[in-house]
């Protein structure tokens, strides 16, 4: 069993006292874990089926149509009436709650797309006849994974740069600050749009492009903590004992600097989510067809007669960002030394 120090117990107690942030964390974790299993919630393949006494798991298997009495050796389209009738005549099918993936084009709609919400399509369909609920679930997962990856990598880079500047000071700090001032003064959104237009957009390309600018968020905070702590007695004692600069920085000084940086993490997450959404909205984000919340907002702008498109994306983003802000406030209170 892990034993907590008195200061860690105090921080955990302060976090729990912030009921809004505490419950926001649990709600966020529940939504995120559910989104990780999006294929089990929204998919155009059955979770499992039985045919002629044999069991199949199409959600994790690629099964040819000939296995179910079809004529093509390609992967089975389980929404075809011939295939579904054949399987149900000789067994049964277990579908996920939403029998459509984010890329599934629904061909048996009762009206031209986009269609309003119904029992068949809980949040309606978009202008390409795709299920909005499925795209929201997959879009939530994509946005969170992108934001978490960007936050983690940019935090590692930003903490390392800030630690080096603050610990060594002098010319390293001087030239580092001048570079950051120039780099941070560049029009980030315009540069992202220009760079995205030169290359084929994708998850990793967008992550690399946004990382070029997002790493600066934590540099000033970490630099200030290292500048303040580099002349403390315990740092001088470590130097006198012959401890190397790297061990002093990352073993003794970094834990103190992490208190300030951890409070920024949820807000960096929100910035990453809004940045990706903005690029997708402008058409410079993820490749066409990706489950994008920004692309859903753009569809809502282009289809004012279908308000469920914009409303679905707005509510998803509002809930996601609100939960992260509440969590950030609770983390800030937990690390506040003035709260006993």
C-alpha atoms as a PDB file:
ATOM      1  CA  UNK A   1       0.000   0.000   0.000  1.00  0.00           C
ATOM      2  CA  UNK A   2       1.389   3.398  -0.981  1.00  0.00           C
ATOM      3  CA  UNK A   3       1.838   5.740   1.975  1.00  0.00           C
ATOM      4  CA  UNK A   4       1.342   9.436   1.374  1.00  0.00           C
ATOM      5  CA  UNK A   5       3.377  12.184   2.981  1.00  0.00           C
ATOM      6  CA  UNK A   6       1.547  14.830   5.067  1.00  0.00           C
ATOM      7  CA  UNK A   7       1.806  17.403   2.269  1.00  0.00           C
ATOM      8  CA  UNK A   8       0.425  14.912  -0.271  1.00  0.00           C
ATOM      9  CA  UNK A   9      -2.459  14.101   2.062  1.00  0.00           C
ATOM     10  CA  UNK A  10      -3.188  17.813   2.421  1.00  0.00           C
ATOM     11  CA  UNK A  11      -3.227  18.272  -1.358  1.00  0.00           C
ATOM     12  CA  UNK A  12      -5.515  15.292  -1.852  1.00  0.00           C
ATOM     13  CA  UNK A  13      -7.820  16.621   0.870  1.00  0.00           C
ATOM     14  CA  UNK A  14      -7.928  20.064  -0.747  1.00  0.00           C
ATOM     15  CA  UNK A  15      -8.718  18.485  -4.127  1.00  0.00           C
ATOM     16  CA  UNK A  16     -11.605  16.501  -2.673  1.00  0.00           C
ATOM     17  CA  UNK A  17     -12.945  19.567  -0.905  1.00  0.00           C
ATOM     18  CA  UNK A  18     -13.484  21.186  -4.290  1.00  0.00           C
ATOM     19  CA  UNK A  19     -16.630  19.169  -5.027  1.00  0.00           C
ATOM     20  CA  UNK A  20     -17.080  20.667  -8.471  1.00  0.00           C
ATOM     21  CA  UNK A  21     -13.615  19.682  -9.631  1.00  0.00           C
ATOM     22  CA  UNK A  22     -13.698  16.323  -7.837  1.00  0.00           C
ATOM     23  CA  UNK A  23     -16.893  15.168  -9.539  1.00  0.00           C
ATOM     24  CA  UNK A  24     -15.825  16.747 -12.827  1.00  0.00           C
ATOM     25  CA  UNK A  25     -12.774  14.453 -12.753  1.00  0.00           C
ATOM     26  CA  UNK A  26     -14.930  11.340 -12.328  1.00  0.00           C
ATOM     27  CA  UNK A  27     -17.359  12.410 -15.056  1.00  0.00           C
ATOM     28  CA  UNK A  28     -14.485  13.195 -17.407  1.00  0.00           C
ATOM     29  CA  UNK A  29     -12.773   9.853 -16.717  1.00  0.00           C
ATOM     30  CA  UNK A  30     -16.049   7.998 -17.325  1.00  0.00           C
ATOM     31  CA  UNK A  31     -16.619   9.760 -20.656  1.00  0.00           C
ATOM     32  CA  UNK A  32     -13.009   9.276 -21.757  1.00  0.00           C
ATOM     33  CA  UNK A  33     -12.952   5.567 -20.868  1.00  0.00           C
ATOM     34  CA  UNK A  34     -16.232   5.054 -22.722  1.00  0.00           C
ATOM     35  CA  UNK A  35     -14.834   6.855 -25.764  1.00  0.00           C
ATOM     36  CA  UNK A  36     -11.789   4.555 -25.763  1.00  0.00           C
ATOM     37  CA  UNK A  37     -14.201   1.717 -26.453  1.00  0.00           C
ATOM     38  CA  UNK A  38     -16.011   3.620 -29.194  1.00  0.00           C
ATOM     39  CA  UNK A  39     -15.908   0.580 -31.493  1.00  0.00           C
ATOM     40  CA  UNK A  40     -18.054  -1.277 -28.963  1.00  0.00           C
ATOM     41  CA  UNK A  41     -20.598   1.557 -28.789  1.00  0.00           C
ATOM     42  CA  UNK A  42     -20.859   2.751 -32.391  1.00  0.00           C
ATOM     43  CA  UNK A  43     -19.876   0.418 -35.209  1.00  0.00           C
ATOM     44  CA  UNK A  44     -21.254  -0.800 -38.528  1.00  0.00           C
ATOM     45  CA  UNK A  45     -20.077  -4.314 -37.628  1.00  0.00           C
ATOM     46  CA  UNK A  46     -21.899  -6.551 -35.124  1.00  0.00           C
ATOM     47  CA  UNK A  47     -20.247  -7.213 -31.790  1.00  0.00           C
ATOM     48  CA  UNK A  48     -20.857 -10.918 -32.267  1.00  0.00           C
ATOM     49  CA  UNK A  49     -23.110 -13.248 -34.212  1.00  0.00           C
ATOM     50  CA  UNK A  50     -24.010 -16.886 -34.528  1.00  0.00           C
ATOM     51  CA  UNK A  51     -24.383 -18.554 -37.936  1.00  0.00           C
ATOM     52  CA  UNK A  52     -25.018 -22.251 -38.461  1.00  0.00           C
ATOM     53  CA  UNK A  53     -23.851 -22.986 -34.943  1.00  0.00           C
ATOM     54  CA  UNK A  54     -20.553 -21.099 -35.312  1.00  0.00           C
ATOM     55  CA  UNK A  55     -19.760 -17.913 -33.409  1.00  0.00           C
ATOM     56  CA  UNK A  56     -18.119 -14.895 -35.035  1.00  0.00           C
ATOM     57  CA  UNK A  57     -16.835 -11.582 -33.667  1.00  0.00           C
ATOM     58  CA  UNK A  58     -16.910  -9.158 -36.620  1.00  0.00           C
ATOM     59  CA  UNK A  59     -15.868  -6.201 -34.469  1.00  0.00           C
ATOM     60  CA  UNK A  60     -12.378  -7.732 -34.258  1.00  0.00           C
ATOM     61  CA  UNK A  61     -12.482 -10.062 -37.270  1.00  0.00           C
ATOM     62  CA  UNK A  62     -12.469  -9.537 -41.031  1.00  0.00           C
ATOM     63  CA  UNK A  63     -14.937 -12.068 -42.403  1.00  0.00           C
ATOM     64  CA  UNK A  64     -15.584 -12.486 -46.157  1.00  0.00           C
ATOM     65  CA  UNK A  65     -19.114 -12.341 -47.498  1.00  0.00           C
ATOM     66  CA  UNK A  66     -18.847 -15.895 -48.821  1.00  0.00           C
ATOM     67  CA  UNK A  67     -18.868 -17.143 -45.218  1.00  0.00           C
ATOM     68  CA  UNK A  68     -22.531 -16.120 -44.965  1.00  0.00           C
ATOM     69  CA  UNK A  69     -23.774 -17.294 -48.337  1.00  0.00           C
ATOM     70  CA  UNK A  70     -22.663 -14.263 -50.343  1.00  0.00           C
ATOM     71  CA  UNK A  71     -20.825 -14.179 -53.656  1.00  0.00           C
ATOM     72  CA  UNK A  72     -17.955 -11.739 -53.021  1.00  0.00           C
ATOM     73  CA  UNK A  73     -14.696 -12.592 -51.223  1.00  0.00           C
ATOM     74  CA  UNK A  74     -14.495  -9.050 -49.829  1.00  0.00           C
ATOM     75  CA  UNK A  75     -15.348  -8.061 -46.252  1.00  0.00           C
ATOM     76  CA  UNK A  76     -18.988  -8.508 -45.335  1.00  0.00           C
ATOM     77  CA  UNK A  77     -21.360  -5.543 -45.326  1.00  0.00           C
ATOM     78  CA  UNK A  78     -23.669  -6.537 -42.486  1.00  0.00           C
ATOM     79  CA  UNK A  79     -26.196  -3.814 -43.340  1.00  0.00           C
ATOM     80  CA  UNK A  80     -27.079  -5.470 -46.638  1.00  0.00           C
ATOM     81  CA  UNK A  81     -30.534  -6.970 -46.347  1.00  0.00           C
ATOM     82  CA  UNK A  82     -29.523 -10.241 -48.018  1.00  0.00           C
ATOM     83  CA  UNK A  83     -26.660 -10.833 -45.569  1.00  0.00           C
ATOM     84  CA  UNK A  84     -28.603  -9.806 -42.462  1.00  0.00           C
ATOM     85  CA  UNK A  85     -31.615 -11.906 -43.432  1.00  0.00           C
ATOM     86  CA  UNK A  86     -29.390 -14.896 -44.138  1.00  0.00           C
ATOM     87  CA  UNK A  87     -27.641 -14.625 -40.759  1.00  0.00           C
ATOM     88  CA  UNK A  88     -30.872 -14.154 -38.820  1.00  0.00           C
ATOM     89  CA  UNK A  89     -32.435 -17.118 -40.624  1.00  0.00           C
ATOM     90  CA  UNK A  90     -29.634 -19.380 -39.416  1.00  0.00           C
ATOM     91  CA  UNK A  91     -28.621 -17.659 -36.173  1.00  0.00           C
ATOM     92  CA  UNK A  92     -28.656 -14.238 -34.542  1.00  0.00           C
ATOM     93  CA  UNK A  93     -26.793 -10.890 -34.546  1.00  0.00           C
ATOM     94  CA  UNK A  94     -25.789  -8.688 -31.591  1.00  0.00           C
ATOM     95  CA  UNK A  95     -25.344  -5.079 -32.720  1.00  0.00           C
ATOM     96  CA  UNK A  96     -23.726  -2.271 -30.695  1.00  0.00           C
ATOM     97  CA  UNK A  97     -26.086   0.443 -29.330  1.00  0.00           C
ATOM     98  CA  UNK A  98     -25.337   2.590 -32.415  1.00  0.00           C
ATOM     99  CA  UNK A  99     -25.076   0.324 -35.485  1.00  0.00           C
ATOM    100  CA  UNK A 100     -23.011   2.840 -37.456  1.00  0.00           C
ATOM    101  CA  UNK A 101     -19.376   3.884 -37.452  1.00  0.00           C
ATOM    102  CA  UNK A 102     -18.241   7.480 -37.916  1.00  0.00           C
ATOM    103  CA  UNK A 103     -17.591   6.851 -41.611  1.00  0.00           C
ATOM    104  CA  UNK A 104     -20.709   4.782 -42.406  1.00  0.00           C
ATOM    105  CA  UNK A 105     -22.887   6.282 -45.130  1.00  0.00           C
ATOM    106  CA  UNK A 106     -26.517   5.421 -44.353  1.00  0.00           C
ATOM    107  CA  UNK A 107     -28.324   4.575 -47.585  1.00  0.00           C
ATOM    108  CA  UNK A 108     -31.832   3.873 -46.311  1.00  0.00           C
ATOM    109  CA  UNK A 109     -32.754   7.289 -44.902  1.00  0.00           C
ATOM    110  CA  UNK A 110     -36.384   8.363 -45.032  1.00  0.00           C
ATOM    111  CA  UNK A 111     -35.461  11.874 -46.249  1.00  0.00           C
ATOM    112  CA  UNK A 112     -32.487  13.608 -47.898  1.00  0.00           C
ATOM    113  CA  UNK A 113     -29.528  14.187 -45.603  1.00  0.00           C
ATOM    114  CA  UNK A 114     -29.096  15.830 -43.191  1.00  0.00           C
ATOM    115  CA  UNK A 115     -31.991  14.241 -41.334  1.00  0.00           C
ATOM    116  CA  UNK A 116     -33.188  15.260 -37.841  1.00  0.00           C
ATOM    117  CA  UNK A 117     -32.745  13.150 -34.700  1.00  0.00           C
ATOM    118  CA  UNK A 118     -34.834   9.981 -34.510  1.00  0.00           C
ATOM    119  CA  UNK A 119     -34.912   6.621 -32.771  1.00  0.00           C
ATOM    120  CA  UNK A 120     -32.695   5.267 -35.539  1.00  0.00           C
ATOM    121  CA  UNK A 121     -30.202   8.162 -35.494  1.00  0.00           C
ATOM    122  CA  UNK A 122     -30.156   9.661 -32.007  1.00  0.00           C
ATOM    123  CA  UNK A 123     -28.535  12.954 -33.017  1.00  0.00           C
ATOM    124  CA  UNK A 124     -29.594  12.872 -36.661  1.00  0.00           C
ATOM    125  CA  UNK A 125     -27.311  12.618 -39.660  1.00  0.00           C
ATOM    126  CA  UNK A 126     -24.931  15.089 -41.282  1.00  0.00           C
ATOM    127  CA  UNK A 127     -24.976  16.340 -44.858  1.00  0.00           C
ATOM    128  CA  UNK A 128     -23.101  13.214 -45.998  1.00  0.00           C
ATOM    129  CA  UNK A 129     -25.659  10.834 -44.429  1.00  0.00           C
ATOM    130  CA  UNK A 130     -23.368   9.799 -41.553  1.00  0.00           C
ATOM    131  CA  UNK A 131     -24.622   9.261 -38.009  1.00  0.00           C
ATOM    132  CA  UNK A 132     -23.891  12.332 -35.868  1.00  0.00           C
ATOM    133  CA  UNK A 133     -23.875  10.436 -32.553  1.00  0.00           C
ATOM    134  CA  UNK A 134     -21.178   8.084 -33.839  1.00  0.00           C
ATOM    135  CA  UNK A 135     -19.092  10.985 -35.125  1.00  0.00           C
ATOM    136  CA  UNK A 136     -19.416  12.801 -31.793  1.00  0.00           C
ATOM    137  CA  UNK A 137     -18.181   9.754 -29.844  1.00  0.00           C
ATOM    138  CA  UNK A 138     -15.222   9.160 -32.148  1.00  0.00           C
ATOM    139  CA  UNK A 139     -14.549  12.908 -32.367  1.00  0.00           C
ATOM    140  CA  UNK A 140     -14.425  13.186 -28.579  1.00  0.00           C
ATOM    141  CA  UNK A 141     -11.861  10.377 -28.449  1.00  0.00           C
ATOM    142  CA  UNK A 142      -9.751  11.862 -31.238  1.00  0.00           C
ATOM    143  CA  UNK A 143      -9.743  15.315 -29.646  1.00  0.00           C
ATOM    144  CA  UNK A 144      -8.768  13.988 -26.225  1.00  0.00           C
ATOM    145  CA  UNK A 145      -6.006  11.699 -27.491  1.00  0.00           C
ATOM    146  CA  UNK A 146      -4.593  14.545 -29.593  1.00  0.00           C
ATOM    147  CA  UNK A 147      -4.772  16.980 -26.678  1.00  0.00           C
ATOM    148  CA  UNK A 148      -3.197  14.525 -24.219  1.00  0.00           C
ATOM    149  CA  UNK A 149      -0.335  13.721 -26.603  1.00  0.00           C
ATOM    150  CA  UNK A 150       0.290  17.398 -27.354  1.00  0.00           C
ATOM    151  CA  UNK A 151       0.129  18.357 -23.667  1.00  0.00           C
ATOM    152  CA  UNK A 152       2.539  15.614 -22.614  1.00  0.00           C
ATOM    153  CA  UNK A 153       5.156  16.259 -25.297  1.00  0.00           C
ATOM    154  CA  UNK A 154       4.977  20.056 -25.081  1.00  0.00           C
ATOM    155  CA  UNK A 155       5.209  19.860 -21.272  1.00  0.00           C
ATOM    156  CA  UNK A 156       8.344  17.706 -21.454  1.00  0.00           C
ATOM    157  CA  UNK A 157       9.994  20.104 -23.917  1.00  0.00           C
ATOM    158  CA  UNK A 158       8.833  23.234 -22.087  1.00  0.00           C
ATOM    159  CA  UNK A 159       9.960  21.967 -18.676  1.00  0.00           C
ATOM    160  CA  UNK A 160      13.379  20.980 -20.040  1.00  0.00           C
ATOM    161  CA  UNK A 161      13.933  24.351 -21.744  1.00  0.00           C
ATOM    162  CA  UNK A 162      12.707  26.336 -18.721  1.00  0.00           C
ATOM    163  CA  UNK A 163      14.858  24.273 -16.348  1.00  0.00           C
ATOM    164  CA  UNK A 164      18.011  24.817 -18.405  1.00  0.00           C
ATOM    165  CA  UNK A 165      17.387  28.562 -18.706  1.00  0.00           C
ATOM    166  CA  UNK A 166      16.582  29.028 -15.041  1.00  0.00           C
ATOM    167  CA  UNK A 167      19.378  26.873 -13.680  1.00  0.00           C
ATOM    168  CA  UNK A 168      22.263  28.176 -15.760  1.00  0.00           C
ATOM    169  CA  UNK A 169      21.066  31.763 -16.253  1.00  0.00           C
ATOM    170  CA  UNK A 170      23.529  34.159 -17.884  1.00  0.00           C
ATOM    171  CA  UNK A 171      23.854  34.086 -21.658  1.00  0.00           C
ATOM    172  CA  UNK A 172      21.856  30.868 -21.977  1.00  0.00           C
ATOM    173  CA  UNK A 173      18.901  32.509 -20.291  1.00  0.00           C
ATOM    174  CA  UNK A 174      19.371  35.781 -22.178  1.00  0.00           C
ATOM    175  CA  UNK A 175      19.500  34.276 -25.665  1.00  0.00           C
ATOM    176  CA  UNK A 176      16.808  31.765 -24.791  1.00  0.00           C
ATOM    177  CA  UNK A 177      14.396  34.509 -23.728  1.00  0.00           C
ATOM    178  CA  UNK A 178      15.104  36.577 -26.857  1.00  0.00           C
ATOM    179  CA  UNK A 179      14.404  33.536 -29.057  1.00  0.00           C
ATOM    180  CA  UNK A 180      11.162  32.800 -27.219  1.00  0.00           C
ATOM    181  CA  UNK A 181      10.065  36.435 -27.540  1.00  0.00           C
ATOM    182  CA  UNK A 182      10.586  36.333 -31.300  1.00  0.00           C
ATOM    183  CA  UNK A 183       9.100  32.845 -31.728  1.00  0.00           C
ATOM    184  CA  UNK A 184       6.022  33.612 -29.603  1.00  0.00           C
ATOM    185  CA  UNK A 185       5.404  36.804 -31.584  1.00  0.00           C
ATOM    186  CA  UNK A 186       4.784  34.884 -34.801  1.00  0.00           C
ATOM    187  CA  UNK A 187       1.149  34.609 -35.960  1.00  0.00           C
ATOM    188  CA  UNK A 188       0.618  31.006 -34.903  1.00  0.00           C
ATOM    189  CA  UNK A 189      -2.749  30.356 -36.544  1.00  0.00           C
ATOM    190  CA  UNK A 190      -1.643  31.756 -39.903  1.00  0.00           C
ATOM    191  CA  UNK A 191       1.566  29.720 -39.837  1.00  0.00           C
ATOM    192  CA  UNK A 192      -0.393  26.582 -38.969  1.00  0.00           C
ATOM    193  CA  UNK A 193      -2.732  27.209 -41.891  1.00  0.00           C
ATOM    194  CA  UNK A 194       0.182  27.835 -44.290  1.00  0.00           C
ATOM    195  CA  UNK A 195       2.111  24.759 -43.158  1.00  0.00           C
ATOM    196  CA  UNK A 196      -1.028  22.599 -43.258  1.00  0.00           C
ATOM    197  CA  UNK A 197      -1.659  23.657 -46.853  1.00  0.00           C
ATOM    198  CA  UNK A 198       1.799  22.402 -47.935  1.00  0.00           C
ATOM    199  CA  UNK A 199       1.491  18.905 -46.519  1.00  0.00           C
ATOM    200  CA  UNK A 200      -1.189  16.243 -46.304  1.00  0.00           C
ATOM    201  CA  UNK A 201      -2.815  16.842 -42.926  1.00  0.00           C
ATOM    202  CA  UNK A 202      -2.877  13.993 -40.442  1.00  0.00           C
ATOM    203  CA  UNK A 203      -2.808  13.255 -36.723  1.00  0.00           C
ATOM    204  CA  UNK A 204       0.989  13.149 -36.359  1.00  0.00           C
ATOM    205  CA  UNK A 205       1.678  16.013 -38.767  1.00  0.00           C
ATOM    206  CA  UNK A 206      -0.757  18.288 -36.927  1.00  0.00           C
ATOM    207  CA  UNK A 207       0.739  17.201 -33.616  1.00  0.00           C
ATOM    208  CA  UNK A 208       4.244  18.094 -34.821  1.00  0.00           C
ATOM    209  CA  UNK A 209       3.134  21.443 -36.272  1.00  0.00           C
ATOM    210  CA  UNK A 210       1.269  22.521 -33.128  1.00  0.00           C
ATOM    211  CA  UNK A 211       4.156  21.328 -30.955  1.00  0.00           C
ATOM    212  CA  UNK A 212       6.388  23.937 -32.625  1.00  0.00           C
ATOM    213  CA  UNK A 213       4.528  26.622 -30.668  1.00  0.00           C
ATOM    214  CA  UNK A 214       2.780  24.949 -27.720  1.00  0.00           C
ATOM    215  CA  UNK A 215       6.020  24.043 -25.882  1.00  0.00           C
ATOM    216  CA  UNK A 216       6.493  27.665 -24.784  1.00  0.00           C
ATOM    217  CA  UNK A 217       3.508  27.599 -22.416  1.00  0.00           C
ATOM    218  CA  UNK A 218       5.417  26.223 -19.417  1.00  0.00           C
ATOM    219  CA  UNK A 219       8.840  27.710 -20.079  1.00  0.00           C
ATOM    220  CA  UNK A 220       8.299  30.938 -18.108  1.00  0.00           C
ATOM    221  CA  UNK A 221       6.780  29.133 -15.113  1.00  0.00           C
ATOM    222  CA  UNK A 222       9.564  26.555 -14.842  1.00  0.00           C
ATOM    223  CA  UNK A 223      12.266  29.141 -15.539  1.00  0.00           C
ATOM    224  CA  UNK A 224      10.995  31.347 -12.699  1.00  0.00           C
ATOM    225  CA  UNK A 225      10.960  28.421 -10.259  1.00  0.00           C
ATOM    226  CA  UNK A 226      14.526  27.422 -11.155  1.00  0.00           C
ATOM    227  CA  UNK A 227      15.791  31.004 -10.970  1.00  0.00           C
ATOM    228  CA  UNK A 228      14.281  31.263  -7.499  1.00  0.00           C
ATOM    229  CA  UNK A 229      15.579  27.925  -6.242  1.00  0.00           C
ATOM    230  CA  UNK A 230      19.083  27.754  -7.745  1.00  0.00           C
ATOM    231  CA  UNK A 231      20.629  29.675  -4.837  1.00  0.00           C
ATOM    232  CA  UNK A 232      18.758  27.863  -2.055  1.00  0.00           C
ATOM    233  CA  UNK A 233      20.798  26.182   0.641  1.00  0.00           C
ATOM    234  CA  UNK A 234      19.963  22.625  -0.386  1.00  0.00           C
ATOM    235  CA  UNK A 235      21.127  23.342  -3.963  1.00  0.00           C
ATOM    236  CA  UNK A 236      24.395  24.807  -2.708  1.00  0.00           C
ATOM    237  CA  UNK A 237      24.872  21.834  -0.428  1.00  0.00           C
ATOM    238  CA  UNK A 238      24.300  19.433  -3.333  1.00  0.00           C
ATOM    239  CA  UNK A 239      26.914  21.275  -5.395  1.00  0.00           C
ATOM    240  CA  UNK A 240      29.364  21.184  -2.505  1.00  0.00           C
ATOM    241  CA  UNK A 241      28.898  17.428  -2.249  1.00  0.00           C
ATOM    242  CA  UNK A 242      29.881  17.083  -5.898  1.00  0.00           C
ATOM    243  CA  UNK A 243      26.436  16.221  -7.304  1.00  0.00           C
ATOM    244  CA  UNK A 244      26.158  16.819 -11.054  1.00  0.00           C
ATOM    245  CA  UNK A 245      24.051  19.608 -12.545  1.00  0.00           C
ATOM    246  CA  UNK A 246      21.622  17.172 -14.173  1.00  0.00           C
ATOM    247  CA  UNK A 247      20.877  15.373 -10.900  1.00  0.00           C
ATOM    248  CA  UNK A 248      20.491  18.649  -9.032  1.00  0.00           C
ATOM    249  CA  UNK A 249      18.065  19.984 -11.636  1.00  0.00           C
ATOM    250  CA  UNK A 250      15.824  16.974 -12.112  1.00  0.00           C
ATOM    251  CA  UNK A 251      16.115  15.231  -8.737  1.00  0.00           C
ATOM    252  CA  UNK A 252      16.039  18.155  -6.301  1.00  0.00           C
ATOM    253  CA  UNK A 253      14.714  21.262  -8.078  1.00  0.00           C
ATOM    254  CA  UNK A 254      12.213  19.858 -10.569  1.00  0.00           C
ATOM    255  CA  UNK A 255       9.780  18.438  -7.934  1.00  0.00           C
ATOM    256  CA  UNK A 256       9.310  21.952  -6.547  1.00  0.00           C
ATOM    257  CA  UNK A 257       8.758  23.378 -10.021  1.00  0.00           C
ATOM    258  CA  UNK A 258       6.207  20.670 -10.858  1.00  0.00           C
ATOM    259  CA  UNK A 259       3.791  22.132  -8.323  1.00  0.00           C
ATOM    260  CA  UNK A 260       3.299  25.166 -10.549  1.00  0.00           C
ATOM    261  CA  UNK A 261       3.370  23.279 -13.835  1.00  0.00           C
ATOM    262  CA  UNK A 262       0.763  20.669 -12.867  1.00  0.00           C
ATOM    263  CA  UNK A 263      -1.820  23.386 -12.307  1.00  0.00           C
ATOM    264  CA  UNK A 264      -1.397  24.468 -15.934  1.00  0.00           C
ATOM    265  CA  UNK A 265      -1.904  21.012 -17.462  1.00  0.00           C
ATOM    266  CA  UNK A 266      -5.744  21.068 -17.730  1.00  0.00           C
ATOM    267  CA  UNK A 267      -5.632  24.508 -19.322  1.00  0.00           C
ATOM    268  CA  UNK A 268      -3.027  23.345 -21.851  1.00  0.00           C
ATOM    269  CA  UNK A 269      -5.421  20.502 -22.676  1.00  0.00           C
ATOM    270  CA  UNK A 270      -8.246  22.935 -23.370  1.00  0.00           C
ATOM    271  CA  UNK A 271      -5.969  25.003 -25.606  1.00  0.00           C
ATOM    272  CA  UNK A 272      -4.975  21.927 -27.608  1.00  0.00           C
ATOM    273  CA  UNK A 273      -8.617  20.911 -28.079  1.00  0.00           C
ATOM    274  CA  UNK A 274      -9.711  24.357 -29.233  1.00  0.00           C
ATOM    275  CA  UNK A 275      -6.683  24.621 -31.535  1.00  0.00           C
ATOM    276  CA  UNK A 276      -7.476  21.331 -33.274  1.00  0.00           C
ATOM    277  CA  UNK A 277     -11.159  22.263 -33.502  1.00  0.00           C
ATOM    278  CA  UNK A 278     -10.302  25.630 -35.061  1.00  0.00           C
ATOM    279  CA  UNK A 279      -8.086  24.054 -37.725  1.00  0.00           C
ATOM    280  CA  UNK A 280     -10.740  21.449 -38.527  1.00  0.00           C
ATOM    281  CA  UNK A 281     -13.385  24.154 -38.757  1.00  0.00           C
ATOM    282  CA  UNK A 282     -11.257  26.085 -41.256  1.00  0.00           C
ATOM    283  CA  UNK A 283     -10.534  22.938 -43.267  1.00  0.00           C
ATOM    284  CA  UNK A 284      -6.805  22.715 -42.415  1.00  0.00           C
ATOM    285  CA  UNK A 285      -7.018  20.012 -39.764  1.00  0.00           C
ATOM    286  CA  UNK A 286      -7.567  16.286 -39.927  1.00  0.00           C
ATOM    287  CA  UNK A 287      -8.033  14.545 -43.310  1.00  0.00           C
ATOM    288  CA  UNK A 288     -11.526  14.631 -44.850  1.00  0.00           C
ATOM    289  CA  UNK A 289     -13.779  11.994 -43.351  1.00  0.00           C
ATOM    290  CA  UNK A 290     -12.079  12.012 -39.941  1.00  0.00           C
ATOM    291  CA  UNK A 291     -14.395  12.214 -36.908  1.00  0.00           C
ATOM    292  CA  UNK A 292     -13.824  15.884 -36.267  1.00  0.00           C
ATOM    293  CA  UNK A 293     -15.822  18.177 -34.002  1.00  0.00           C
ATOM    294  CA  UNK A 294     -14.570  21.208 -35.920  1.00  0.00           C
ATOM    295  CA  UNK A 295     -15.796  19.719 -39.197  1.00  0.00           C
ATOM    296  CA  UNK A 296     -19.195  19.107 -37.565  1.00  0.00           C
ATOM    297  CA  UNK A 297     -19.350  22.771 -36.540  1.00  0.00           C
ATOM    298  CA  UNK A 298     -18.521  23.776 -40.120  1.00  0.00           C
ATOM    299  CA  UNK A 299     -21.372  21.570 -41.323  1.00  0.00           C
ATOM    300  CA  UNK A 300     -23.682  23.301 -38.863  1.00  0.00           C
ATOM    301  CA  UNK A 301     -22.641  26.680 -40.307  1.00  0.00           C
ATOM    302  CA  UNK A 302     -23.279  25.488 -43.859  1.00  0.00           C
ATOM    303  CA  UNK A 303     -26.598  23.813 -42.981  1.00  0.00           C
ATOM    304  CA  UNK A 304     -28.532  26.287 -40.869  1.00  0.00           C
ATOM    305  CA  UNK A 305     -31.697  24.296 -41.563  1.00  0.00           C
ATOM    306  CA  UNK A 306     -30.148  21.435 -39.538  1.00  0.00           C
ATOM    307  CA  UNK A 307     -29.457  22.998 -36.099  1.00  0.00           C
ATOM    308  CA  UNK A 308     -28.733  19.590 -34.531  1.00  0.00           C
ATOM    309  CA  UNK A 309     -25.317  19.572 -36.232  1.00  0.00           C
ATOM    310  CA  UNK A 310     -23.971  22.706 -34.590  1.00  0.00           C
ATOM    311  CA  UNK A 311     -25.772  22.039 -31.313  1.00  0.00           C
ATOM    312  CA  UNK A 312     -24.292  18.527 -30.988  1.00  0.00           C
ATOM    313  CA  UNK A 313     -20.737  19.767 -31.555  1.00  0.00           C
ATOM    314  CA  UNK A 314     -21.242  22.793 -29.293  1.00  0.00           C
ATOM    315  CA  UNK A 315     -22.586  20.756 -26.378  1.00  0.00           C
ATOM    316  CA  UNK A 316     -19.779  18.194 -26.734  1.00  0.00           C
ATOM    317  CA  UNK A 317     -17.077  20.875 -26.703  1.00  0.00           C
ATOM    318  CA  UNK A 318     -18.789  22.837 -23.921  1.00  0.00           C
ATOM    319  CA  UNK A 319     -19.019  19.782 -21.657  1.00  0.00           C
ATOM    320  CA  UNK A 320     -15.451  18.696 -22.441  1.00  0.00           C
ATOM    321  CA  UNK A 321     -13.870  22.098 -21.841  1.00  0.00           C
ATOM    322  CA  UNK A 322     -15.999  22.861 -18.771  1.00  0.00           C
ATOM    323  CA  UNK A 323     -14.977  19.608 -17.098  1.00  0.00           C
ATOM    324  CA  UNK A 324     -11.307  20.305 -17.810  1.00  0.00           C
ATOM    325  CA  UNK A 325     -11.555  23.842 -16.421  1.00  0.00           C
ATOM    326  CA  UNK A 326     -13.234  22.577 -13.254  1.00  0.00           C
ATOM    327  CA  UNK A 327     -10.517  19.942 -12.851  1.00  0.00           C
ATOM    328  CA  UNK A 328      -7.842  22.600 -13.380  1.00  0.00           C
ATOM    329  CA  UNK A 329      -9.357  24.800 -10.681  1.00  0.00           C
ATOM    330  CA  UNK A 330      -9.428  21.866  -8.243  1.00  0.00           C
ATOM    331  CA  UNK A 331      -5.777  21.019  -8.994  1.00  0.00           C
ATOM    332  CA  UNK A 332      -4.828  24.663  -8.469  1.00  0.00           C
ATOM    333  CA  UNK A 333      -6.561  24.667  -5.073  1.00  0.00           C
ATOM    334  CA  UNK A 334      -4.901  21.381  -4.124  1.00  0.00           C
ATOM    335  CA  UNK A 335      -1.399  22.785  -4.681  1.00  0.00           C
ATOM    336  CA  UNK A 336      -2.140  26.189  -3.149  1.00  0.00           C
ATOM    337  CA  UNK A 337       0.010  26.390   0.033  1.00  0.00           C
ATOM    338  CA  UNK A 338      -2.370  28.970   1.523  1.00  0.00           C
ATOM    339  CA  UNK A 339      -5.184  26.392   1.758  1.00  0.00           C
ATOM    340  CA  UNK A 340      -4.666  24.289   4.863  1.00  0.00           C
END
